[in-house]
């Protein structure tokens, strides 16, 4: 969950999954976004890091395989989406890519 520069609160797919697991988590995240409190520091967990690294490696290998087969791959950058305009542009790019197949 994040607040854009114009104050709009953006809820991500991760936030929705978190809500399904624990609706109180959404309350905590909203309070964090509103500046009521900070998220507690995450403890280093080697298992979580291992799983993240494996997921990243799997994704990179799959993209390399697709490219190696001569397939077209479109990557839409989502790292710095902070304004509604940026979010809408990423949404439009995603829909365009889906339409192109």
PDB file of N, CA and C in Angstrom:
ATOM      1  N   UNK A   1       0.856  -1.165   0.000  1.00  0.00           N
ATOM      2  CA  UNK A   1       0.000   0.000   0.000  1.00  0.00           C
ATOM      3  C   UNK A   1       0.902   1.226   0.000  1.00  0.00           C
ATOM      4  N   UNK A   2       0.515   2.203  -0.798  1.00  0.00           N
ATOM      5  CA  UNK A   2       1.313   3.426  -0.874  1.00  0.00           C
ATOM      6  C   UNK A   2       0.414   4.620  -1.141  1.00  0.00           C
ATOM      7  N   UNK A   3       0.931   5.773  -0.803  1.00  0.00           N
ATOM      8  CA  UNK A   3       0.232   7.022  -1.093  1.00  0.00           C
ATOM      9  C   UNK A   3       1.025   7.734  -2.176  1.00  0.00           C
ATOM     10  N   UNK A   4       0.333   8.160  -3.221  1.00  0.00           N
ATOM     11  CA  UNK A   4       0.999   8.886  -4.298  1.00  0.00           C
ATOM     12  C   UNK A   4       1.234  10.333  -3.873  1.00  0.00           C
ATOM     13  N   UNK A   5       1.979  11.050  -4.687  1.00  0.00           N
ATOM     14  CA  UNK A   5       2.300  12.443  -4.370  1.00  0.00           C
ATOM     15  C   UNK A   5       1.060  13.309  -4.235  1.00  0.00           C
ATOM     16  N   UNK A   6      -0.017  12.944  -4.939  1.00  0.00           N
ATOM     17  CA  UNK A   6      -1.241  13.749  -4.833  1.00  0.00           C
ATOM     18  C   UNK A   6      -2.170  13.270  -3.716  1.00  0.00           C
ATOM     19  N   UNK A   7      -1.727  12.272  -2.936  1.00  0.00           N
ATOM     20  CA  UNK A   7      -2.501  11.805  -1.790  1.00  0.00           C
ATOM     21  C   UNK A   7      -3.353  10.575  -2.037  1.00  0.00           C
ATOM     22  N   UNK A   8      -3.410  10.107  -3.274  1.00  0.00           N
ATOM     23  CA  UNK A   8      -4.197   8.917  -3.585  1.00  0.00           C
ATOM     24  C   UNK A   8      -3.549   7.691  -2.953  1.00  0.00           C
ATOM     25  N   UNK A   9      -4.354   6.852  -2.315  1.00  0.00           N
ATOM     26  CA  UNK A   9      -3.839   5.611  -1.732  1.00  0.00           C
ATOM     27  C   UNK A   9      -3.995   4.502  -2.765  1.00  0.00           C
ATOM     28  N   UNK A  10      -2.892   3.824  -3.045  1.00  0.00           N
ATOM     29  CA  UNK A  10      -2.861   2.746  -4.026  1.00  0.00           C
ATOM     30  C   UNK A  10      -2.764   1.418  -3.279  1.00  0.00           C
ATOM     31  N   UNK A  11      -3.658   0.516  -3.603  1.00  0.00           N
ATOM     32  CA  UNK A  11      -3.670  -0.817  -3.000  1.00  0.00           C
ATOM     33  C   UNK A  11      -3.172  -1.800  -4.057  1.00  0.00           C
ATOM     34  N   UNK A  12      -2.185  -2.599  -3.691  1.00  0.00           N
ATOM     35  CA  UNK A  12      -1.586  -3.540  -4.641  1.00  0.00           C
ATOM     36  C   UNK A  12      -2.198  -4.933  -4.494  1.00  0.00           C
ATOM     37  N   UNK A  13      -1.847  -5.802  -5.421  1.00  0.00           N
ATOM     38  CA  UNK A  13      -2.277  -7.199  -5.323  1.00  0.00           C
ATOM     39  C   UNK A  13      -1.745  -7.826  -4.041  1.00  0.00           C
ATOM     40  N   UNK A  14      -0.526  -7.474  -3.663  1.00  0.00           N
ATOM     41  CA  UNK A  14       0.048  -7.985  -2.419  1.00  0.00           C
ATOM     42  C   UNK A  14      -0.786  -7.550  -1.221  1.00  0.00           C
ATOM     43  N   UNK A  15      -1.270  -6.313  -1.240  1.00  0.00           N
ATOM     44  CA  UNK A  15      -2.126  -5.833  -0.155  1.00  0.00           C
ATOM     45  C   UNK A  15      -3.416  -6.645  -0.076  1.00  0.00           C
ATOM     46  N   UNK A  16      -3.991  -6.971  -1.225  1.00  0.00           N
ATOM     47  CA  UNK A  16      -5.228  -7.753  -1.237  1.00  0.00           C
ATOM     48  C   UNK A  16      -5.003  -9.162  -0.700  1.00  0.00           C
ATOM     49  N   UNK A  17      -3.890  -9.776  -1.070  1.00  0.00           N
ATOM     50  CA  UNK A  17      -3.563 -11.101  -0.546  1.00  0.00           C
ATOM     51  C   UNK A  17      -3.341 -11.024   0.962  1.00  0.00           C
ATOM     52  N   UNK A  18      -2.652  -9.965   1.409  1.00  0.00           N
ATOM     53  CA  UNK A  18      -2.457  -9.773   2.847  1.00  0.00           C
ATOM     54  C   UNK A  18      -3.773  -9.644   3.577  1.00  0.00           C
ATOM     55  N   UNK A  19      -4.729  -8.931   2.977  1.00  0.00           N
ATOM     56  CA  UNK A  19      -6.046  -8.770   3.587  1.00  0.00           C
ATOM     57  C   UNK A  19      -6.750 -10.117   3.714  1.00  0.00           C
ATOM     58  N   UNK A  20      -6.646 -10.950   2.686  1.00  0.00           N
ATOM     59  CA  UNK A  20      -7.283 -12.264   2.744  1.00  0.00           C
ATOM     60  C   UNK A  20      -6.692 -13.127   3.851  1.00  0.00           C
ATOM     61  N   UNK A  21      -5.396 -12.958   4.101  1.00  0.00           N
ATOM     62  CA  UNK A  21      -4.739 -13.718   5.162  1.00  0.00           C
ATOM     63  C   UNK A  21      -5.044 -13.142   6.538  1.00  0.00           C
ATOM     64  N   UNK A  22      -5.187 -11.801   6.617  1.00  0.00           N
ATOM     65  CA  UNK A  22      -5.385 -11.142   7.913  1.00  0.00           C
ATOM     66  C   UNK A  22      -5.927  -9.743   7.666  1.00  0.00           C
ATOM     67  N   UNK A  23      -7.221  -9.540   7.928  1.00  0.00           N
ATOM     68  CA  UNK A  23      -7.796  -8.226   7.630  1.00  0.00           C
ATOM     69  C   UNK A  23      -7.195  -7.125   8.497  1.00  0.00           C
ATOM     70  N   UNK A  24      -6.670  -7.477   9.669  1.00  0.00           N
ATOM     71  CA  UNK A  24      -6.025  -6.476  10.523  1.00  0.00           C
ATOM     72  C   UNK A  24      -4.759  -5.922   9.869  1.00  0.00           C
ATOM     73  N   UNK A  25      -4.117  -6.736   9.044  1.00  0.00           N
ATOM     74  CA  UNK A  25      -2.915  -6.277   8.339  1.00  0.00           C
ATOM     75  C   UNK A  25      -3.225  -5.048   7.492  1.00  0.00           C
ATOM     76  N   UNK A  26      -4.398  -5.023   6.869  1.00  0.00           N
ATOM     77  CA  UNK A  26      -4.788  -3.859   6.067  1.00  0.00           C
ATOM     78  C   UNK A  26      -4.919  -2.616   6.934  1.00  0.00           C
ATOM     79  N   UNK A  27      -5.461  -2.779   8.142  1.00  0.00           N
ATOM     80  CA  UNK A  27      -5.571  -1.656   9.078  1.00  0.00           C
ATOM     81  C   UNK A  27      -4.185  -1.142   9.448  1.00  0.00           C
ATOM     82  N   UNK A  28      -3.269  -2.060   9.712  1.00  0.00           N
ATOM     83  CA  UNK A  28      -1.902  -1.666  10.063  1.00  0.00           C
ATOM     84  C   UNK A  28      -1.220  -0.952   8.897  1.00  0.00           C
ATOM     85  N   UNK A  29      -1.380  -1.481   7.691  1.00  0.00           N
ATOM     86  CA  UNK A  29      -0.757  -0.860   6.521  1.00  0.00           C
ATOM     87  C   UNK A  29      -1.347   0.515   6.242  1.00  0.00           C
ATOM     88  N   UNK A  30      -2.663   0.656   6.382  1.00  0.00           N
ATOM     89  CA  UNK A  30      -3.287   1.959   6.169  1.00  0.00           C
ATOM     90  C   UNK A  30      -2.768   2.965   7.192  1.00  0.00           C
ATOM     91  N   UNK A  31      -2.642   2.550   8.449  1.00  0.00           N
ATOM     92  CA  UNK A  31      -2.087   3.435   9.473  1.00  0.00           C
ATOM     93  C   UNK A  31      -0.661   3.852   9.152  1.00  0.00           C
ATOM     94  N   UNK A  32       0.117   2.925   8.595  1.00  0.00           N
ATOM     95  CA  UNK A  32       1.498   3.248   8.207  1.00  0.00           C
ATOM     96  C   UNK A  32       1.494   4.282   7.088  1.00  0.00           C
ATOM     97  N   UNK A  33       0.647   4.066   6.079  1.00  0.00           N
ATOM     98  CA  UNK A  33       0.575   4.993   4.946  1.00  0.00           C
ATOM     99  C   UNK A  33       0.113   6.374   5.410  1.00  0.00           C
ATOM    100  N   UNK A  34      -0.779   6.410   6.389  1.00  0.00           N
ATOM    101  CA  UNK A  34      -1.288   7.684   6.904  1.00  0.00           C
ATOM    102  C   UNK A  34      -0.323   8.348   7.885  1.00  0.00           C
ATOM    103  N   UNK A  35       0.809   7.687   8.174  1.00  0.00           N
ATOM    104  CA  UNK A  35       1.817   8.269   9.045  1.00  0.00           C
ATOM    105  C   UNK A  35       1.555   8.092  10.527  1.00  0.00           C
ATOM    106  N   UNK A  36       0.636   7.214  10.892  1.00  0.00           N
ATOM    107  CA  UNK A  36       0.314   6.991  12.304  1.00  0.00           C
ATOM    108  C   UNK A  36       1.390   6.177  13.011  1.00  0.00           C
ATOM    109  N   UNK A  37       2.060   5.319  12.286  1.00  0.00           N
ATOM    110  CA  UNK A  37       3.136   4.501  12.834  1.00  0.00           C
ATOM    111  C   UNK A  37       3.997   3.986  11.696  1.00  0.00           C
ATOM    112  N   UNK A  38       5.132   3.423  12.066  1.00  0.00           N
ATOM    113  CA  UNK A  38       6.041   2.856  11.072  1.00  0.00           C
ATOM    114  C   UNK A  38       5.949   1.345  11.110  1.00  0.00           C
ATOM    115  N   UNK A  39       6.251   0.748   9.989  1.00  0.00           N
ATOM    116  CA  UNK A  39       6.295  -0.711   9.924  1.00  0.00           C
ATOM    117  C   UNK A  39       7.472  -1.185  10.774  1.00  0.00           C
ATOM    118  N   UNK A  40       7.272  -2.222  11.580  1.00  0.00           N
ATOM    119  CA  UNK A  40       8.404  -2.722  12.369  1.00  0.00           C
ATOM    120  C   UNK A  40       9.500  -3.259  11.448  1.00  0.00           C
ATOM    121  N   UNK A  41      10.741  -3.162  11.883  1.00  0.00           N
ATOM    122  CA  UNK A  41      11.823  -3.664  11.030  1.00  0.00           C
ATOM    123  C   UNK A  41      11.674  -5.169  10.809  1.00  0.00           C
ATOM    124  N   UNK A  42      11.993  -5.595   9.604  1.00  0.00           N
ATOM    125  CA  UNK A  42      11.923  -7.024   9.308  1.00  0.00           C
ATOM    126  C   UNK A  42      13.219  -7.676   9.752  1.00  0.00           C
ATOM    127  N   UNK A  43      13.065  -8.792  10.391  1.00  0.00           N
ATOM    128  CA  UNK A  43      14.268  -9.516  10.793  1.00  0.00           C
ATOM    129  C   UNK A  43      14.815 -10.260   9.584  1.00  0.00           C
ATOM    130  N   UNK A  44      16.100 -10.378   9.554  1.00  0.00           N
ATOM    131  CA  UNK A  44      16.734 -11.099   8.445  1.00  0.00           C
ATOM    132  C   UNK A  44      16.310 -12.559   8.511  1.00  0.00           C
ATOM    133  N   UNK A  45      15.776 -13.055   7.440  1.00  0.00           N
ATOM    134  CA  UNK A  45      15.335 -14.447   7.381  1.00  0.00           C
ATOM    135  C   UNK A  45      15.960 -15.088   6.153  1.00  0.00           C
ATOM    136  N   UNK A  46      16.952 -15.950   6.368  1.00  0.00           N
ATOM    137  CA  UNK A  46      17.644 -16.543   5.229  1.00  0.00           C
ATOM    138  C   UNK A  46      16.717 -17.368   4.331  1.00  0.00           C
ATOM    139  N   UNK A  47      15.667 -17.944   4.890  1.00  0.00           N
ATOM    140  CA  UNK A  47      14.737 -18.729   4.077  1.00  0.00           C
ATOM    141  C   UNK A  47      13.970 -17.826   3.120  1.00  0.00           C
ATOM    142  N   UNK A  48      13.509 -16.684   3.622  1.00  0.00           N
ATOM    143  CA  UNK A  48      12.792 -15.739   2.768  1.00  0.00           C
ATOM    144  C   UNK A  48      13.713 -15.231   1.663  1.00  0.00           C
ATOM    145  N   UNK A  49      14.936 -14.883   2.016  1.00  0.00           N
ATOM    146  CA  UNK A  49      15.890 -14.403   1.009  1.00  0.00           C
ATOM    147  C   UNK A  49      16.175 -15.483  -0.026  1.00  0.00           C
ATOM    148  N   UNK A  50      16.309 -16.722   0.432  1.00  0.00           N
ATOM    149  CA  UNK A  50      16.542 -17.844  -0.478  1.00  0.00           C
ATOM    150  C   UNK A  50      15.388 -17.976  -1.472  1.00  0.00           C
ATOM    151  N   UNK A  51      14.159 -17.899  -0.976  1.00  0.00           N
ATOM    152  CA  UNK A  51      12.985 -18.030  -1.843  1.00  0.00           C
ATOM    153  C   UNK A  51      12.894 -16.863  -2.834  1.00  0.00           C
ATOM    154  N   UNK A  52      13.207 -15.653  -2.374  1.00  0.00           N
ATOM    155  CA  UNK A  52      13.202 -14.501  -3.281  1.00  0.00           C
ATOM    156  C   UNK A  52      14.247 -14.677  -4.380  1.00  0.00           C
ATOM    157  N   UNK A  53      15.432 -15.106  -3.986  1.00  0.00           N
ATOM    158  CA  UNK A  53      16.501 -15.318  -4.965  1.00  0.00           C
ATOM    159  C   UNK A  53      16.121 -16.402  -5.972  1.00  0.00           C
ATOM    160  N   UNK A  54      15.514 -17.483  -5.483  1.00  0.00           N
ATOM    161  CA  UNK A  54      15.080 -18.564  -6.379  1.00  0.00           C
ATOM    162  C   UNK A  54      14.018 -18.068  -7.356  1.00  0.00           C
ATOM    163  N   UNK A  55      13.074 -17.287  -6.846  1.00  0.00           N
ATOM    164  CA  UNK A  55      12.025 -16.742  -7.709  1.00  0.00           C
ATOM    165  C   UNK A  55      12.596 -15.832  -8.780  1.00  0.00           C
ATOM    166  N   UNK A  56      13.535 -14.965  -8.380  1.00  0.00           N
ATOM    167  CA  UNK A  56      14.178 -14.068  -9.347  1.00  0.00           C
ATOM    168  C   UNK A  56      14.942 -14.859 -10.411  1.00  0.00           C
ATOM    169  N   UNK A  57      15.664 -15.898  -9.972  1.00  0.00           N
ATOM    170  CA  UNK A  57      16.436 -16.718 -10.912  1.00  0.00           C
ATOM    171  C   UNK A  57      15.503 -17.463 -11.867  1.00  0.00           C
ATOM    172  N   UNK A  58      14.398 -17.970 -11.338  1.00  0.00           N
ATOM    173  CA  UNK A  58      13.428 -18.679 -12.180  1.00  0.00           C
ATOM    174  C   UNK A  58      12.851 -17.740 -13.238  1.00  0.00           C
ATOM    175  N   UNK A  59      12.487 -16.541 -12.817  1.00  0.00           N
ATOM    176  CA  UNK A  59      11.924 -15.569 -13.761  1.00  0.00           C
ATOM    177  C   UNK A  59      12.941 -15.211 -14.844  1.00  0.00           C
ATOM    178  N   UNK A  60      14.184 -14.960 -14.443  1.00  0.00           N
ATOM    179  CA  UNK A  60      15.224 -14.609 -15.413  1.00  0.00           C
ATOM    180  C   UNK A  60      15.462 -15.757 -16.396  1.00  0.00           C
ATOM    181  N   UNK A  61      15.481 -16.988 -15.887  1.00  0.00           N
ATOM    182  CA  UNK A  61      15.699 -18.148 -16.757  1.00  0.00           C
ATOM    183  C   UNK A  61      14.535 -18.323 -17.731  1.00  0.00           C
ATOM    184  N   UNK A  62      13.328 -18.107 -17.253  1.00  0.00           N
ATOM    185  CA  UNK A  62      12.157 -18.257 -18.124  1.00  0.00           C
ATOM    186  C   UNK A  62      12.164 -17.195 -19.230  1.00  0.00           C
ATOM    187  N   UNK A  63      12.480 -15.956 -18.869  1.00  0.00           N
ATOM    188  CA  UNK A  63      12.561 -14.895 -19.879  1.00  0.00           C
ATOM    189  C   UNK A  63      13.658 -15.199 -20.899  1.00  0.00           C
ATOM    190  N   UNK A  64      14.797 -15.693 -20.422  1.00  0.00           N
ATOM    191  CA  UNK A  64      15.896 -16.047 -21.330  1.00  0.00           C
ATOM    192  C   UNK A  64      15.475 -17.172 -22.272  1.00  0.00           C
ATOM    193  N   UNK A  65      14.734 -18.140 -21.757  1.00  0.00           N
ATOM    194  CA  UNK A  65      14.242 -19.250 -22.585  1.00  0.00           C
ATOM    195  C   UNK A  65      13.308 -18.727 -23.674  1.00  0.00           C
ATOM    196  N   UNK A  66      12.380 -17.861 -23.292  1.00  0.00           N
ATOM    197  CA  UNK A  66      11.448 -17.303 -24.278  1.00  0.00           C
ATOM    198  C   UNK A  66      12.191 -16.523 -25.358  1.00  0.00           C
ATOM    199  N   UNK A  67      13.150 -15.712 -24.933  1.00  0.00           N
ATOM    200  CA  UNK A  67      13.930 -14.939 -25.905  1.00  0.00           C
ATOM    201  C   UNK A  67      14.761 -15.860 -26.791  1.00  0.00           C
ATOM    202  N   UNK A  68      15.317 -16.914 -26.189  1.00  0.00           N
ATOM    203  CA  UNK A  68      16.108 -17.883 -26.945  1.00  0.00           C
ATOM    204  C   UNK A  68      15.292 -18.604 -28.004  1.00  0.00           C
ATOM    205  N   UNK A  69      13.997 -18.734 -27.753  1.00  0.00           N
ATOM    206  CA  UNK A  69      13.088 -19.353 -28.722  1.00  0.00           C
ATOM    207  C   UNK A  69      12.620 -18.348 -29.775  1.00  0.00           C
ATOM    208  N   UNK A  70      13.120 -17.113 -29.662  1.00  0.00           N
ATOM    209  CA  UNK A  70      12.753 -16.083 -30.623  1.00  0.00           C
ATOM    210  C   UNK A  70      11.418 -15.422 -30.345  1.00  0.00           C
ATOM    211  N   UNK A  71      10.900 -15.614 -29.158  1.00  0.00           N
ATOM    212  CA  UNK A  71       9.611 -15.004 -28.817  1.00  0.00           C
ATOM    213  C   UNK A  71       9.798 -13.551 -28.403  1.00  0.00           C
ATOM    214  N   UNK A  72       8.769 -12.800 -28.607  1.00  0.00           N
ATOM    215  CA  UNK A  72       8.779 -11.392 -28.213  1.00  0.00           C
ATOM    216  C   UNK A  72       8.424 -11.289 -26.731  1.00  0.00           C
ATOM    217  N   UNK A  73       9.227 -10.562 -25.991  1.00  0.00           N
ATOM    218  CA  UNK A  73       8.990 -10.375 -24.557  1.00  0.00           C
ATOM    219  C   UNK A  73       8.933  -8.883 -24.281  1.00  0.00           C
ATOM    220  N   UNK A  74       7.877  -8.465 -23.647  1.00  0.00           N
ATOM    221  CA  UNK A  74       7.730  -7.059 -23.269  1.00  0.00           C
ATOM    222  C   UNK A  74       7.836  -6.969 -21.755  1.00  0.00           C
ATOM    223  N   UNK A  75       8.723  -6.118 -21.277  1.00  0.00           N
ATOM    224  CA  UNK A  75       8.857  -5.900 -19.839  1.00  0.00           C
ATOM    225  C   UNK A  75       8.391  -4.488 -19.518  1.00  0.00           C
ATOM    226  N   UNK A  76       7.475  -4.390 -18.587  1.00  0.00           N
ATOM    227  CA  UNK A  76       6.931  -3.100 -18.180  1.00  0.00           C
ATOM    228  C   UNK A  76       7.497  -2.773 -16.807  1.00  0.00           C
ATOM    229  N   UNK A  77       8.247  -1.691 -16.740  1.00  0.00           N
ATOM    230  CA  UNK A  77       8.886  -1.300 -15.486  1.00  0.00           C
ATOM    231  C   UNK A  77       7.837  -0.811 -14.487  1.00  0.00           C
ATOM    232  N   UNK A  78       7.914  -1.344 -13.284  1.00  0.00           N
ATOM    233  CA  UNK A  78       6.947  -0.966 -12.248  1.00  0.00           C
ATOM    234  C   UNK A  78       7.629  -0.529 -10.958  1.00  0.00           C
ATOM    235  N   UNK A  79       8.928  -0.288 -11.016  1.00  0.00           N
ATOM    236  CA  UNK A  79       9.675   0.026  -9.793  1.00  0.00           C
ATOM    237  C   UNK A  79       9.343   1.387  -9.205  1.00  0.00           C
ATOM    238  N   UNK A  80       9.094   2.361 -10.023  1.00  0.00           N
ATOM    239  CA  UNK A  80       8.910   3.731  -9.535  1.00  0.00           C
ATOM    240  C   UNK A  80       7.565   4.314  -9.950  1.00  0.00           C
ATOM    241  N   UNK A  81       6.504   3.641  -9.616  1.00  0.00           N
ATOM    242  CA  UNK A  81       5.172   4.151  -9.930  1.00  0.00           C
ATOM    243  C   UNK A  81       4.660   4.917  -8.714  1.00  0.00           C
ATOM    244  N   UNK A  82       4.695   6.240  -8.774  1.00  0.00           N
ATOM    245  CA  UNK A  82       4.354   7.058  -7.615  1.00  0.00           C
ATOM    246  C   UNK A  82       3.182   8.004  -7.844  1.00  0.00           C
ATOM    247  N   UNK A  83       2.784   8.185  -9.078  1.00  0.00           N
ATOM    248  CA  UNK A  83       1.681   9.107  -9.348  1.00  0.00           C
ATOM    249  C   UNK A  83       0.582   8.358 -10.099  1.00  0.00           C
ATOM    250  N   UNK A  84      -0.649   8.843 -10.005  1.00  0.00           N
ATOM    251  CA  UNK A  84      -1.710   8.202 -10.779  1.00  0.00           C
ATOM    252  C   UNK A  84      -1.392   8.156 -12.272  1.00  0.00           C
ATOM    253  N   UNK A  85      -0.760   9.200 -12.808  1.00  0.00           N
ATOM    254  CA  UNK A  85      -0.413   9.213 -14.236  1.00  0.00           C
ATOM    255  C   UNK A  85       0.557   8.080 -14.567  1.00  0.00           C
ATOM    256  N   UNK A  86       1.549   7.847 -13.702  1.00  0.00           N
ATOM    257  CA  UNK A  86       2.499   6.756 -13.927  1.00  0.00           C
ATOM    258  C   UNK A  86       1.793   5.401 -13.854  1.00  0.00           C
ATOM    259  N   UNK A  87       0.889   5.256 -12.894  1.00  0.00           N
ATOM    260  CA  UNK A  87       0.142   4.006 -12.766  1.00  0.00           C
ATOM    261  C   UNK A  87      -0.748   3.771 -13.982  1.00  0.00           C
ATOM    262  N   UNK A  88      -1.414   4.807 -14.446  1.00  0.00           N
ATOM    263  CA  UNK A  88      -2.273   4.671 -15.624  1.00  0.00           C
ATOM    264  C   UNK A  88      -1.454   4.347 -16.874  1.00  0.00           C
ATOM    265  N   UNK A  89      -0.269   4.935 -16.988  1.00  0.00           N
ATOM    266  CA  UNK A  89       0.597   4.638 -18.134  1.00  0.00           C
ATOM    267  C   UNK A  89       1.034   3.172 -18.108  1.00  0.00           C
ATOM    268  N   UNK A  90       1.386   2.660 -16.928  1.00  0.00           N
ATOM    269  CA  UNK A  90       1.778   1.252 -16.809  1.00  0.00           C
ATOM    270  C   UNK A  90       0.590   0.340 -17.104  1.00  0.00           C
ATOM    271  N   UNK A  91      -0.588   0.743 -16.641  1.00  0.00           N
ATOM    272  CA  UNK A  91      -1.798  -0.032 -16.929  1.00  0.00           C
ATOM    273  C   UNK A  91      -2.052  -0.077 -18.438  1.00  0.00           C
ATOM    274  N   UNK A  92      -1.947   1.060 -19.099  1.00  0.00           N
ATOM    275  CA  UNK A  92      -2.175   1.121 -20.545  1.00  0.00           C
ATOM    276  C   UNK A  92      -1.148   0.272 -21.292  1.00  0.00           C
ATOM    277  N   UNK A  93       0.110   0.330 -20.858  1.00  0.00           N
ATOM    278  CA  UNK A  93       1.154  -0.475 -21.503  1.00  0.00           C
ATOM    279  C   UNK A  93       0.870  -1.965 -21.321  1.00  0.00           C
ATOM    280  N   UNK A  94       0.389  -2.343 -20.145  1.00  0.00           N
ATOM    281  CA  UNK A  94       0.048  -3.744 -19.882  1.00  0.00           C
ATOM    282  C   UNK A  94      -1.096  -4.198 -20.779  1.00  0.00           C
ATOM    283  N   UNK A  95      -2.142  -3.386 -20.860  1.00  0.00           N
ATOM    284  CA  UNK A  95      -3.287  -3.739 -21.709  1.00  0.00           C
ATOM    285  C   UNK A  95      -2.888  -3.820 -23.181  1.00  0.00           C
ATOM    286  N   UNK A  96      -2.041  -2.893 -23.634  1.00  0.00           N
ATOM    287  CA  UNK A  96      -1.553  -2.933 -25.016  1.00  0.00           C
ATOM    288  C   UNK A  96      -0.785  -4.227 -25.284  1.00  0.00           C
ATOM    289  N   UNK A  97       0.081  -4.595 -24.341  1.00  0.00           N
ATOM    290  CA  UNK A  97       0.871  -5.819 -24.500  1.00  0.00           C
ATOM    291  C   UNK A  97      -0.038  -7.046 -24.548  1.00  0.00           C
ATOM    292  N   UNK A  98      -1.072  -7.055 -23.723  1.00  0.00           N
ATOM    293  CA  UNK A  98      -2.004  -8.186 -23.722  1.00  0.00           C
ATOM    294  C   UNK A  98      -2.775  -8.262 -25.038  1.00  0.00           C
ATOM    295  N   UNK A  99      -3.162  -7.125 -25.569  1.00  0.00           N
ATOM    296  CA  UNK A  99      -3.891  -7.108 -26.840  1.00  0.00           C
ATOM    297  C   UNK A  99      -3.018  -7.601 -27.999  1.00  0.00           C
ATOM    298  N   UNK A 100      -1.729  -7.275 -27.922  1.00  0.00           N
ATOM    299  CA  UNK A 100      -0.799  -7.695 -28.974  1.00  0.00           C
ATOM    300  C   UNK A 100      -0.491  -9.184 -28.902  1.00  0.00           C
ATOM    301  N   UNK A 101      -0.801  -9.799 -27.767  1.00  0.00           N
ATOM    302  CA  UNK A 101      -0.607 -11.238 -27.609  1.00  0.00           C
ATOM    303  C   UNK A 101       0.781 -11.580 -27.243  1.00  0.00           C
TER     304      UNK A 101
END
